[in-house]
Amino acid sequence: MREPPIGEVYEVWRERRGQAPQPTDALFTVTSAGSATVDIPGSVRGLREVMVTAEPLGGSASPTSPALLRVALAG
């Protein structure tokens, strides 16, 4: 991944079927080589999708940019 724009951070979101994406406290940046490690907080049971967006430092209560990464889950 590219580094987030200046003044932004990547945020992990959890989405359940029929619900809006819920923010997590998983905020991260990437190295200059484009790598990062981040955990998905809590259980993934029942989740439809996990996504990552670029958000202002400190994160957001709802996504302010399109998802850069989406992972569909079988839950």
Protein backbone atom coordinates (compact mmCIF):
# COMPACT_ATOMS: atom_id res chain seq x y z
CA MET A 1 0.00 0.00 0.00
CA ARG A 2 1.05 3.57 -0.43
CA GLU A 3 1.64 5.71 2.61
CA PRO A 4 -1.52 7.60 3.60
CA PRO A 5 -1.67 11.27 2.62
CA ILE A 6 -0.13 13.73 5.08
CA GLY A 7 -2.50 14.26 7.99
CA GLU A 8 -4.28 10.94 7.43
CA VAL A 9 -4.07 7.40 8.75
CA TYR A 10 -5.57 4.11 7.61
CA GLU A 11 -8.56 2.85 9.60
CA VAL A 12 -10.01 -0.67 9.76
CA TRP A 13 -13.83 -1.02 9.60
CA ARG A 14 -16.10 -3.96 10.43
CA GLU A 15 -19.35 -4.43 8.54
CA ARG A 16 -22.23 -6.74 9.38
CA ARG A 17 -24.96 -7.59 6.87
CA GLY A 18 -27.56 -4.82 6.73
CA GLN A 19 -25.56 -2.42 8.90
CA ALA A 20 -23.31 0.54 8.20
CA PRO A 21 -19.55 0.00 8.63
CA GLN A 22 -18.47 0.28 12.27
CA PRO A 23 -15.15 1.94 13.15
CA THR A 24 -12.46 0.13 15.09
CA ASP A 25 -9.52 1.45 17.07
CA ALA A 26 -7.20 -0.18 14.50
CA LEU A 27 -5.43 2.81 12.97
CA PHE A 28 -2.19 2.31 11.06
CA THR A 29 0.32 3.67 8.60
CA VAL A 30 2.70 1.79 6.32
CA THR A 31 6.45 1.69 5.97
CA SER A 32 8.20 3.41 3.09
CA ALA A 33 8.30 -0.07 1.49
CA GLY A 34 4.48 -0.19 1.63
CA SER A 35 4.05 -2.87 4.29
CA ALA A 36 2.11 -2.86 7.55
CA THR A 37 0.72 -5.23 10.13
CA VAL A 38 -2.65 -4.61 11.75
CA ASP A 39 -5.09 -6.76 13.73
CA ILE A 40 -8.85 -6.80 13.30
CA PRO A 41 -10.14 -6.08 16.80
CA GLY A 42 -12.64 -8.53 18.26
CA SER A 43 -14.23 -11.54 16.65
CA VAL A 44 -14.88 -11.72 12.92
CA ARG A 45 -17.85 -14.03 13.53
CA GLY A 46 -20.91 -12.61 11.79
CA LEU A 47 -18.98 -10.00 9.84
CA ARG A 48 -19.81 -9.59 6.16
CA GLU A 49 -16.77 -7.49 5.30
CA VAL A 50 -13.66 -5.82 6.68
CA MET A 51 -12.45 -2.70 4.93
CA VAL A 52 -9.71 -0.08 5.16
CA THR A 53 -10.08 3.63 4.40
CA ALA A 54 -7.83 6.68 4.68
CA GLU A 55 -9.12 8.92 7.46
CA PRO A 56 -8.03 12.06 9.34
CA LEU A 57 -5.49 11.45 12.13
CA GLY A 58 -7.30 9.93 15.10
CA GLY A 59 -9.81 8.11 12.87
CA SER A 60 -13.45 8.81 12.05
CA ALA A 61 -16.87 7.72 13.31
CA SER A 62 -17.95 6.96 9.72
CA PRO A 63 -15.91 6.51 6.54
CA THR A 64 -14.92 9.78 4.87
CA SER A 65 -13.27 8.22 1.82
CA PRO A 66 -13.86 5.21 -0.43
CA ALA A 67 -12.52 1.87 0.75
CA LEU A 68 -8.95 1.16 -0.39
CA LEU A 69 -9.21 -2.47 0.61
CA ARG A 70 -12.23 -4.74 1.07
CA VAL A 71 -12.18 -8.32 2.32
CA ALA A 72 -15.44 -10.26 2.10
CA LEU A 73 -15.96 -12.83 4.84
CA ALA A 74 -18.17 -15.90 4.83
CA GLY A 75 -19.90 -14.89 8.08
